[in-house]
Amino acid sequence: MSLESIKYKRGNLEILDQLLLPLQTRYVKVKGVEDGWKVINKMQVRGAPAIAIVGCLSLAVELERDNNSDKKFMRQEIEGKLNYLVSARPTAVNIKLAADELINLANSLCADESVSPEEFKDKFISNIEEMLTKDIEDNKAIGKYGSEAILKNMNGDGPVRILTHCNTGSLATAGYGTALGVIRSLHETKKLEHVYCTETRPYNQGARLTAYELVHEKIPSTLIIDSVVSALMNSRRITAVVVGADRVAVNGDTANKIGTYQIAIAAKHHGVPFYVAAPLTSIDKDLTSGEKIKIEERPEKEMTHVGEHRIAAPGISCWNPSFDVTPASLITGIITEKGVFSPDKLHEIDPK
């Protein structure tokens, strides 16, 4: 059974505090938009799909308590608060797309004179709640298409060994996962021999979260440090690399956790297929290339300290980008809920 990172019923939202994993399992109550912004910005919840879902659900919780009967006022509040939530983690596109769709919905409901304020609120909240169900359905489709593509590409030759980077499982989504969903699907076929996950410095999402999920799912796995990737590919036959994405440009350039780019380079050198697993909501139709993706920079302390203990020399300057961009030329295929596409075919995907 996959881990539950988001607990929701109408009017109540709790998220699993991922800063405490794997040593502690504690849920944090999110009472409204301000709490939603904080848990996203502090990375108590992370992963592009989960960020979008938690951000929107935080608005749903706040709206459920709001007794305002003025549709125009609610519409204005919704737009302002959604734009505020987008600012918590600017690189992930999913929450921006969700915000745009919800703002359009609010405008439509506000303009419809047959819709009462109570109906406005109910329809708006119901639309957000559907995100939870759809995310899991999409992830399972991603898992199916991804596992089929990997098995077809290897023509049934030998054991399946997968390398993944960062965390893309139940903790990064509503459930099941994207890249980790592909791994989970492969495991269900009984053809997966082993998974290698990177520690994913400096925040250690791989060591803390992916390893935690793999152990929980009883999937054969090994944790490696980030700088072992090339040596691993050189000494052991890796079937494929599967990673997630926070934003994909129309040409296939992909922003993902820092370190992804160098793994793609190593994969290209060693002839290892490199796949990106991401829902269509991660594709930004307004971006023609990865050069225009805004890269979030994180605090220096994430590099210089472990907990409260300083490990870096005092006075040294730091550069801590949270993401890098992998060029489309290094990507074998992008796995979506609609199938697996080569990067140059993304513009042909029918979102419906």
Protein backbone atom coordinates (compact mmCIF):
# COMPACT_ATOMS: atom_id res chain seq x y z
CA MET A 1 0.00 0.00 0.00
CA SER A 2 1.42 3.38 -1.02
CA LEU A 3 2.12 6.06 1.53
CA GLU A 4 -0.50 8.74 2.19
CA SER A 5 1.15 12.15 2.00
CA ILE A 6 -2.12 14.13 1.75
CA LYS A 7 -5.11 13.57 4.04
CA TYR A 8 -8.18 15.48 2.98
CA LYS A 9 -11.89 15.61 3.60
CA ARG A 10 -13.96 18.71 2.95
CA GLY A 11 -12.93 21.47 5.34
CA ASN A 12 -9.91 19.58 6.67
CA LEU A 13 -6.42 19.15 5.20
CA GLU A 14 -3.33 17.52 6.69
CA ILE A 15 0.01 16.85 4.99
CA LEU A 16 2.80 14.49 5.95
CA ASP A 17 5.73 16.64 7.10
CA GLN A 18 8.47 15.42 4.76
CA LEU A 19 11.17 17.37 6.60
CA LEU A 20 10.91 14.82 9.42
CA LEU A 21 11.09 11.67 7.29
CA PRO A 22 12.35 9.00 7.57
CA LEU A 23 12.78 9.19 11.32
CA GLN A 24 9.42 10.70 12.26
CA THR A 25 5.95 10.41 10.75
CA ARG A 26 3.90 13.47 11.62
CA TYR A 27 1.03 15.21 9.86
CA VAL A 28 0.69 18.99 9.78
CA LYS A 29 -2.72 20.65 9.69
CA VAL A 30 -3.18 23.16 6.88
CA LYS A 31 -5.92 25.60 7.87
CA GLY A 32 -5.79 27.89 4.86
CA VAL A 33 -3.78 29.58 2.12
CA GLU A 34 -1.13 31.04 4.42
CA ASP A 35 -0.42 27.59 5.86
CA GLY A 36 -0.44 26.16 2.33
CA TRP A 37 2.16 28.68 1.15
CA LYS A 38 4.39 27.93 4.15
CA VAL A 39 4.37 24.12 3.85
CA ILE A 40 5.16 24.41 0.12
CA ASN A 41 7.88 27.02 0.53
CA LYS A 42 9.52 25.20 3.47
CA MET A 43 9.36 21.95 1.48
CA GLN A 44 7.28 20.13 4.06
CA VAL A 45 5.40 19.11 0.94
CA ARG A 46 7.26 18.87 -2.39
CA GLY A 47 6.99 17.40 -5.84
CA ALA A 48 5.30 19.40 -8.57
CA PRO A 49 1.96 17.49 -8.59
CA ALA A 50 1.70 17.51 -4.79
CA ILE A 51 2.55 21.21 -4.62
CA ALA A 52 -0.34 22.00 -6.99
CA ILE A 53 -2.79 19.77 -5.12
CA VAL A 54 -1.90 20.96 -1.61
CA GLY A 55 -1.86 24.61 -2.68
CA CYS A 56 -5.33 24.36 -4.24
CA LEU A 57 -6.73 22.28 -1.37
CA SER A 58 -5.49 24.90 1.10
CA LEU A 59 -7.68 27.40 -0.76
CA ALA A 60 -10.61 24.94 -0.70
CA VAL A 61 -10.30 24.58 3.08
CA GLU A 62 -10.22 28.34 3.55
CA LEU A 63 -13.15 28.87 1.19
CA GLU A 64 -15.23 26.22 2.97
CA ARG A 65 -15.03 28.30 6.18
CA ASP A 66 -15.80 31.57 4.39
CA ASN A 67 -19.40 32.72 4.88
CA ASN A 68 -19.16 35.53 2.32
CA SER A 69 -22.19 35.71 0.04
CA ASP A 70 -20.72 38.10 -2.53
CA LYS A 71 -19.58 36.23 -5.65
CA LYS A 72 -17.48 39.10 -6.97
CA PHE A 73 -15.59 39.37 -3.70
CA MET A 74 -14.96 35.61 -3.63
CA ARG A 75 -13.71 35.73 -7.22
CA GLN A 76 -11.25 38.51 -6.38
CA GLU A 77 -10.04 36.69 -3.27
CA ILE A 78 -9.59 33.45 -5.19
CA GLU A 79 -7.46 35.08 -7.89
CA GLY A 80 -5.25 36.90 -5.41
CA LYS A 81 -4.71 33.86 -3.20
CA LEU A 82 -3.97 31.51 -6.09
CA ASN A 83 -1.36 33.89 -7.48
CA TYR A 84 0.15 34.10 -3.99
CA LEU A 85 0.38 30.30 -3.76
CA VAL A 86 2.17 30.14 -7.12
CA SER A 87 4.96 32.30 -5.66
CA ALA A 88 5.85 29.66 -3.03
CA ARG A 89 7.85 27.54 -5.54
CA PRO A 90 8.11 29.33 -8.91
CA THR A 91 9.85 26.63 -10.99
CA ALA A 92 7.08 24.01 -10.75
CA VAL A 93 4.53 24.75 -13.47
CA ASN A 94 1.70 22.48 -12.26
CA ILE A 95 0.40 24.90 -9.65
CA LYS A 96 0.53 27.80 -12.13
CA LEU A 97 -1.56 25.86 -14.65
CA ALA A 98 -4.00 24.76 -11.94
CA ALA A 99 -4.28 28.37 -10.72
CA ASP A 100 -5.01 29.64 -14.24
CA GLU A 101 -7.75 27.03 -14.75
CA LEU A 102 -9.33 27.76 -11.37
CA ILE A 103 -9.28 31.51 -11.97
CA ASN A 104 -11.07 30.92 -15.28
CA LEU A 105 -13.62 28.75 -13.47
CA ALA A 106 -14.19 31.43 -10.83
CA ASN A 107 -14.69 34.05 -13.54
CA SER A 108 -17.21 31.83 -15.32
CA LEU A 109 -19.16 31.01 -12.15
CA CYS A 110 -19.17 34.66 -11.13
CA ALA A 111 -20.54 35.76 -14.52
CA ASP A 112 -23.31 33.14 -14.51
CA GLU A 113 -26.29 34.83 -12.85
CA SER A 114 -28.05 31.48 -12.39
CA VAL A 115 -25.30 30.34 -10.01
CA SER A 116 -25.88 31.35 -6.38
CA PRO A 117 -22.96 32.16 -4.02
CA GLU A 118 -23.47 28.80 -2.30
CA GLU A 119 -23.37 26.96 -5.63
CA PHE A 120 -20.33 29.00 -6.66
CA LYS A 121 -18.45 27.81 -3.60
CA ASP A 122 -19.58 24.19 -3.85
CA LYS A 123 -18.73 23.85 -7.55
CA PHE A 124 -15.38 25.55 -7.08
CA ILE A 125 -14.37 23.33 -4.15
CA SER A 126 -15.60 20.17 -5.92
CA ASN A 127 -13.43 21.03 -8.92
CA ILE A 128 -10.35 21.20 -6.66
CA GLU A 129 -11.25 17.92 -4.95
CA GLU A 130 -11.33 16.17 -8.33
CA MET A 131 -7.59 16.92 -8.66
CA LEU A 132 -6.83 14.22 -6.07
CA THR A 133 -8.62 11.46 -7.96
CA LYS A 134 -7.34 12.54 -11.37
CA ASP A 135 -3.72 12.69 -10.19
CA ILE A 136 -3.77 9.06 -9.05
CA GLU A 137 -5.44 7.93 -12.29
CA ASP A 138 -2.86 9.84 -14.34
CA ASN A 139 0.04 8.42 -12.34
CA LYS A 140 -1.15 4.85 -12.85
CA ALA A 141 -1.37 5.49 -16.59
CA ILE A 142 2.14 6.95 -16.55
CA GLY A 143 3.36 3.85 -14.70
CA LYS A 144 1.75 1.53 -17.26
CA TYR A 145 3.01 3.36 -20.34
CA GLY A 146 6.48 3.79 -18.87
CA SER A 147 6.97 0.16 -17.87
CA GLU A 148 5.71 -1.05 -21.26
CA ALA A 149 8.10 1.28 -23.11
CA ILE A 150 11.11 0.20 -21.05
CA LEU A 151 10.36 -3.51 -21.45
CA LYS A 152 9.75 -3.11 -25.19
CA ASN A 153 12.97 -1.15 -25.65
CA MET A 154 15.09 -3.90 -24.04
CA ASN A 155 13.36 -6.70 -26.03
CA GLY A 156 13.16 -8.92 -22.94
CA ASP A 157 16.95 -9.14 -22.68
CA GLY A 158 18.17 -9.68 -19.12
CA PRO A 159 17.11 -8.24 -15.77
CA VAL A 160 15.61 -4.76 -15.41
CA ARG A 161 17.71 -2.33 -13.40
CA ILE A 162 16.49 1.25 -13.03
CA LEU A 163 18.21 4.39 -11.80
CA THR A 164 16.13 7.26 -10.45
CA HIS A 165 16.90 10.67 -9.00
CA CYS A 166 15.12 12.72 -6.32
CA ASN A 167 11.64 11.66 -5.11
CA THR A 168 8.72 11.10 -7.46
CA GLY A 169 6.46 8.69 -5.59
CA SER A 170 3.45 8.86 -3.31
CA LEU A 171 5.19 11.60 -1.32
CA ALA A 172 5.46 13.85 -4.39
CA THR A 173 1.95 13.27 -5.74
CA ALA A 174 -1.56 12.44 -4.55
CA GLY A 175 -0.49 8.78 -4.65
CA TYR A 176 1.36 6.13 -6.73
CA GLY A 177 3.90 8.52 -8.26
CA THR A 178 5.33 9.47 -11.65
CA ALA A 179 8.87 8.08 -12.13
CA LEU A 180 8.42 5.95 -9.03
CA GLY A 181 5.04 4.95 -10.44
CA VAL A 182 6.89 3.52 -13.46
CA ILE A 183 9.16 1.64 -11.07
CA ARG A 184 6.16 0.40 -9.09
CA SER A 185 4.52 -0.79 -12.31
CA LEU A 186 7.70 -2.62 -13.37
CA HIS A 187 7.84 -4.27 -9.95
CA GLU A 188 4.28 -5.53 -10.42
CA THR A 189 5.36 -7.28 -13.65
CA LYS A 190 7.93 -9.31 -11.63
CA LYS A 191 10.61 -8.25 -14.13
CA LEU A 192 12.29 -5.57 -12.04
CA GLU A 193 15.53 -6.83 -10.52
CA HIS A 194 16.82 -3.70 -8.80
CA VAL A 195 16.43 0.04 -8.35
CA TYR A 196 19.26 2.47 -7.64
CA CYS A 197 18.30 5.81 -6.12
CA THR A 198 20.59 8.78 -5.64
CA GLU A 199 20.84 10.56 -2.31
CA THR A 200 19.95 13.84 -4.13
CA ARG A 201 22.04 16.43 -2.36
CA PRO A 202 21.73 18.89 -0.77
CA TYR A 203 18.22 18.14 0.48
CA ASN A 204 18.61 14.36 0.35
CA GLN A 205 15.15 13.65 -1.03
CA GLY A 206 16.47 10.36 -2.42
CA ALA A 207 18.07 9.20 0.82
CA ARG A 208 15.23 10.38 3.03
CA LEU A 209 12.14 9.92 0.87
CA THR A 210 12.69 7.67 -2.15
CA ALA A 211 14.62 5.13 -0.09
CA TYR A 212 11.83 5.30 2.51
CA GLU A 213 9.20 4.56 -0.14
CA LEU A 214 11.21 1.76 -1.76
CA VAL A 215 11.72 0.04 1.59
CA HIS A 216 8.03 0.54 2.41
CA GLU A 217 7.05 -1.08 -0.91
CA LYS A 218 9.62 -3.89 -0.47
CA ILE A 219 11.20 -3.09 -3.83
CA PRO A 220 14.83 -4.34 -4.13
CA SER A 221 16.90 -1.18 -4.03
CA THR A 222 20.24 0.43 -3.27
CA LEU A 223 21.05 4.01 -2.29
CA ILE A 224 24.03 5.64 -3.99
CA ILE A 225 25.69 9.02 -3.56
CA ASP A 226 25.14 11.46 -6.41
CA SER A 227 28.73 11.26 -7.69
CA VAL A 228 28.59 7.45 -8.16
CA VAL A 229 26.20 7.58 -11.13
CA SER A 230 28.81 7.35 -13.90
CA ALA A 231 30.71 4.59 -12.10
CA LEU A 232 27.44 2.68 -11.63
CA MET A 233 26.61 2.88 -15.33
CA ASN A 234 30.13 1.80 -16.23
CA SER A 235 30.22 -1.23 -13.92
CA ARG A 236 26.61 -2.49 -13.97
CA ARG A 237 24.16 -2.73 -16.84
CA ILE A 238 21.46 -0.16 -16.17
CA THR A 239 18.31 -0.71 -18.23
CA ALA A 240 17.04 2.87 -18.03
CA VAL A 241 17.04 6.09 -16.05
CA VAL A 242 13.59 7.37 -15.05
CA VAL A 243 13.19 10.80 -13.45
CA GLY A 244 10.35 13.24 -12.86
CA ALA A 245 9.92 16.84 -13.96
CA ASP A 246 8.89 20.17 -12.51
CA ARG A 247 8.48 21.88 -15.86
CA VAL A 248 8.77 20.73 -19.47
CA ALA A 249 9.13 23.18 -22.35
CA VAL A 250 7.34 22.58 -25.67
CA ASN A 251 10.61 21.47 -27.30
CA GLY A 252 11.14 18.82 -24.59
CA ASP A 253 13.77 20.61 -22.48
CA THR A 254 13.03 19.56 -18.92
CA ALA A 255 13.61 21.20 -15.54
CA ASN A 256 14.05 18.73 -12.71
CA LYS A 257 15.92 18.43 -9.43
CA ILE A 258 19.51 19.66 -9.55
CA GLY A 259 21.79 16.86 -10.69
CA THR A 260 19.42 15.51 -13.34
CA TYR A 261 21.34 17.14 -16.20
CA GLN A 262 24.63 15.44 -15.34
CA ILE A 263 22.86 12.06 -15.01
CA ALA A 264 21.43 12.54 -18.51
CA ILE A 265 24.91 13.27 -19.85
CA ALA A 266 26.28 10.13 -18.20
CA ALA A 267 23.36 8.09 -19.58
CA LYS A 268 24.02 9.36 -23.11
CA HIS A 269 27.70 8.43 -22.85
CA HIS A 270 26.90 4.91 -21.61
CA GLY A 271 24.02 4.28 -24.01
CA VAL A 272 21.40 4.13 -21.26
CA PRO A 273 17.86 5.27 -22.23
CA PHE A 274 16.81 8.37 -20.26
CA TYR A 275 13.10 8.86 -19.58
CA VAL A 276 11.18 11.72 -18.00
CA ALA A 277 7.88 10.76 -16.32
CA ALA A 278 5.47 13.67 -15.96
CA PRO A 279 1.76 14.44 -16.27
CA LEU A 280 0.64 16.78 -19.04
CA THR A 281 0.21 19.49 -16.41
CA SER A 282 4.03 19.66 -16.22
CA ILE A 283 4.26 20.74 -19.87
CA ASP A 284 4.31 24.52 -20.18
CA LYS A 285 2.83 25.38 -23.57
CA ASP A 286 4.01 28.98 -23.15
CA LEU A 287 7.70 28.02 -23.05
CA THR A 288 9.44 27.30 -26.33
CA SER A 289 12.67 26.11 -24.69
CA GLY A 290 14.27 25.38 -21.34
CA GLU A 291 16.36 28.55 -21.48
CA LYS A 292 13.30 30.48 -20.35
CA ILE A 293 12.53 28.34 -17.30
CA LYS A 294 12.93 30.29 -14.07
CA ILE A 295 15.22 28.34 -11.73
CA GLU A 296 14.55 28.67 -8.02
CA GLU A 297 17.59 29.26 -5.81
CA ARG A 298 17.46 27.89 -2.27
CA PRO A 299 19.07 29.17 0.97
CA GLU A 300 22.81 28.62 1.49
CA LYS A 301 22.12 26.84 4.78
CA GLU A 302 20.83 23.78 2.91
CA MET A 303 24.41 23.30 1.66
CA THR A 304 26.41 24.52 4.63
CA HIS A 305 24.56 22.75 7.45
CA VAL A 306 23.25 19.33 8.39
CA GLY A 307 20.45 20.20 10.77
CA GLU A 308 21.95 22.90 12.96
CA HIS A 309 25.51 21.60 12.56
CA ARG A 310 27.71 23.55 10.14
CA ILE A 311 29.77 21.36 7.80
CA ALA A 312 31.11 24.01 5.36
CA ALA A 313 33.95 26.43 6.03
CA PRO A 314 32.61 29.71 7.45
CA GLY A 315 32.83 32.56 4.95
CA ILE A 316 32.58 30.44 1.79
CA SER A 317 30.01 31.65 -0.75
CA CYS A 318 27.43 29.18 -2.07
CA TRP A 319 25.36 28.64 -5.20
CA ASN A 320 22.32 26.47 -4.53
CA PRO A 321 19.98 26.19 -7.54
CA SER A 322 17.17 23.77 -6.77
CA PHE A 323 16.77 22.62 -10.39
CA ASP A 324 18.67 22.27 -13.64
CA VAL A 325 17.47 21.91 -17.24
CA THR A 326 18.14 18.76 -19.24
CA PRO A 327 18.18 19.43 -23.02
CA ALA A 328 15.67 17.49 -25.10
CA SER A 329 18.55 15.97 -27.10
CA LEU A 330 19.48 13.86 -24.06
CA ILE A 331 15.95 12.57 -23.42
CA THR A 332 14.79 9.26 -24.92
CA GLY A 333 11.13 9.77 -24.17
CA ILE A 334 8.68 11.72 -22.04
CA ILE A 335 6.18 9.45 -20.31
CA THR A 336 2.73 11.01 -19.87
CA GLU A 337 -0.74 9.73 -19.03
CA LYS A 338 -1.41 9.78 -22.79
CA GLY A 339 1.60 7.64 -23.72
CA VAL A 340 5.36 7.97 -24.30
CA PHE A 341 6.49 10.70 -26.69
CA SER A 342 9.85 11.72 -28.09
CA PRO A 343 10.59 15.32 -27.03
CA ASP A 344 10.07 16.69 -30.54
CA LYS A 345 6.52 15.27 -30.61
CA LEU A 346 5.17 16.97 -27.49
CA HIS A 347 3.35 19.60 -29.51
CA GLU A 348 1.27 16.84 -31.12
CA ILE A 349 -0.26 15.61 -27.84
CA ASP A 350 -4.02 16.01 -27.60
CA PRO A 351 -4.68 16.99 -23.96
CA LYS A 352 -8.29 15.74 -24.11
